[in-house]
């Protein structure tokens, strides 16, 4: 059983026992959060598609930690002008463990 859920403006495939890395949430480490914007639920071939969300469906997750993602390097250059610029960025993420998908 899996569900497509919207978390912080992005869509993720949620299955029980899996881990997700989402944009940083305002939740304490170890707390349980619920997401009710479930767009699709697949229960062993039985698919329910929401208009726009599935009624009564939710995804229950536990916050494991707050981490930073891998560094993304931004390199800018203009040829023959001597202009080179290197910038880096690490996005703040929240690691979630999906406890259950309620449909």
Protein backbone atom coordinates (compact mmCIF):
# COMPACT_ATOMS: atom_id res chain seq x y z
CA UNK A 1 0.00 0.00 0.00
CA UNK A 2 1.31 3.44 -0.88
CA UNK A 3 0.05 6.98 -1.17
CA UNK A 4 1.05 10.13 -3.02
CA UNK A 5 1.08 12.90 -0.44
CA UNK A 6 1.82 16.62 -0.64
CA UNK A 7 4.31 17.80 1.99
CA UNK A 8 5.55 21.42 2.05
CA UNK A 9 4.46 22.02 -1.54
CA UNK A 10 6.09 18.90 -3.02
CA UNK A 11 4.63 15.49 -3.82
CA UNK A 12 6.15 12.30 -2.39
CA UNK A 13 5.41 8.57 -2.61
CA UNK A 14 4.79 7.35 0.93
CA UNK A 15 5.00 3.69 1.99
CA UNK A 16 4.98 2.41 5.56
CA UNK A 17 8.49 1.94 6.96
CA UNK A 18 10.22 4.13 4.35
CA UNK A 19 12.19 7.32 5.02
CA UNK A 20 11.62 10.66 3.34
CA UNK A 21 13.74 13.80 3.21
CA UNK A 22 11.52 16.87 2.91
CA UNK A 23 12.11 20.61 3.23
CA UNK A 24 12.55 21.61 6.86
CA UNK A 25 9.37 21.37 8.95
CA UNK A 26 8.64 23.24 12.18
CA UNK A 27 8.36 20.08 14.27
CA UNK A 28 10.37 18.78 17.20
CA UNK A 29 12.63 15.77 16.84
CA UNK A 30 10.77 12.61 17.88
CA UNK A 31 7.33 14.10 17.42
CA UNK A 32 4.58 12.56 15.29
CA UNK A 33 3.15 14.57 12.40
CA UNK A 34 0.16 13.83 10.17
CA UNK A 35 -0.32 14.90 6.57
CA UNK A 36 -3.86 14.94 5.22
CA UNK A 37 -3.22 16.22 1.67
CA UNK A 38 -3.28 12.71 0.19
CA UNK A 39 -3.72 12.88 -3.59
CA UNK A 40 -3.76 9.15 -4.44
CA UNK A 41 -3.97 5.86 -2.52
CA UNK A 42 -3.10 2.45 -3.99
CA UNK A 43 -4.16 -0.50 -1.85
CA UNK A 44 -2.91 -3.62 -3.71
CA UNK A 45 -4.32 -2.58 -7.08
CA UNK A 46 -7.35 -0.73 -5.76
CA UNK A 47 -6.59 2.89 -6.66
CA UNK A 48 -8.42 5.89 -5.18
CA UNK A 49 -7.74 9.25 -6.79
CA UNK A 50 -8.66 12.39 -4.90
CA UNK A 51 -10.57 15.34 -6.26
CA UNK A 52 -8.34 17.16 -5.20
CA UNK A 53 -7.63 15.00 -2.10
CA UNK A 54 -8.80 11.59 -0.88
CA UNK A 55 -11.39 11.93 1.91
CA UNK A 56 -10.37 10.42 5.24
CA UNK A 57 -6.86 9.47 4.11
CA UNK A 58 -3.74 10.57 5.96
CA UNK A 59 -0.08 9.70 6.36
CA UNK A 60 1.36 9.43 9.88
CA UNK A 61 5.10 10.15 10.16
CA UNK A 62 7.70 10.48 12.89
CA UNK A 63 10.38 13.19 12.75
CA UNK A 64 13.79 11.50 13.01
CA UNK A 65 16.15 14.44 12.60
CA UNK A 66 16.86 17.80 11.01
CA UNK A 67 19.81 17.59 8.61
CA UNK A 68 21.39 19.43 5.69
CA UNK A 69 21.35 17.97 2.20
CA UNK A 70 24.37 17.53 -0.06
CA UNK A 71 26.09 20.68 -1.24
CA UNK A 72 24.98 22.10 -4.58
CA UNK A 73 27.69 24.08 -6.38
CA UNK A 74 26.80 27.02 -8.61
CA UNK A 75 29.55 28.06 -11.03
CA UNK A 76 29.31 31.16 -13.22
CA UNK A 77 31.79 32.14 -15.89
CA UNK A 78 32.07 34.62 -18.73
CA UNK A 79 34.62 33.58 -21.29
CA UNK A 80 37.57 35.81 -22.07
CA UNK A 81 36.56 38.32 -19.37
CA UNK A 82 38.26 36.80 -16.33
CA UNK A 83 34.94 36.46 -14.49
CA UNK A 84 34.56 33.29 -12.45
CA UNK A 85 32.26 32.87 -9.47
CA UNK A 86 31.74 29.74 -7.34
CA UNK A 87 28.90 29.55 -4.84
CA UNK A 88 27.61 26.68 -2.72
CA UNK A 89 24.34 25.94 -0.94
CA UNK A 90 23.10 23.25 1.47
CA UNK A 91 19.34 23.01 1.93
CA UNK A 92 17.93 22.34 5.41
CA UNK A 93 15.92 19.10 5.36
CA UNK A 94 13.80 17.06 7.77
CA UNK A 95 14.13 13.27 7.85
CA UNK A 96 10.77 11.50 8.31
CA UNK A 97 9.94 7.84 8.89
CA UNK A 98 6.48 6.86 7.66
CA UNK A 99 4.69 4.88 10.35
CA UNK A 100 1.42 4.18 8.52
CA UNK A 101 -0.78 5.14 5.63
CA UNK A 102 -4.45 5.42 6.64
CA UNK A 103 -6.92 5.16 3.75
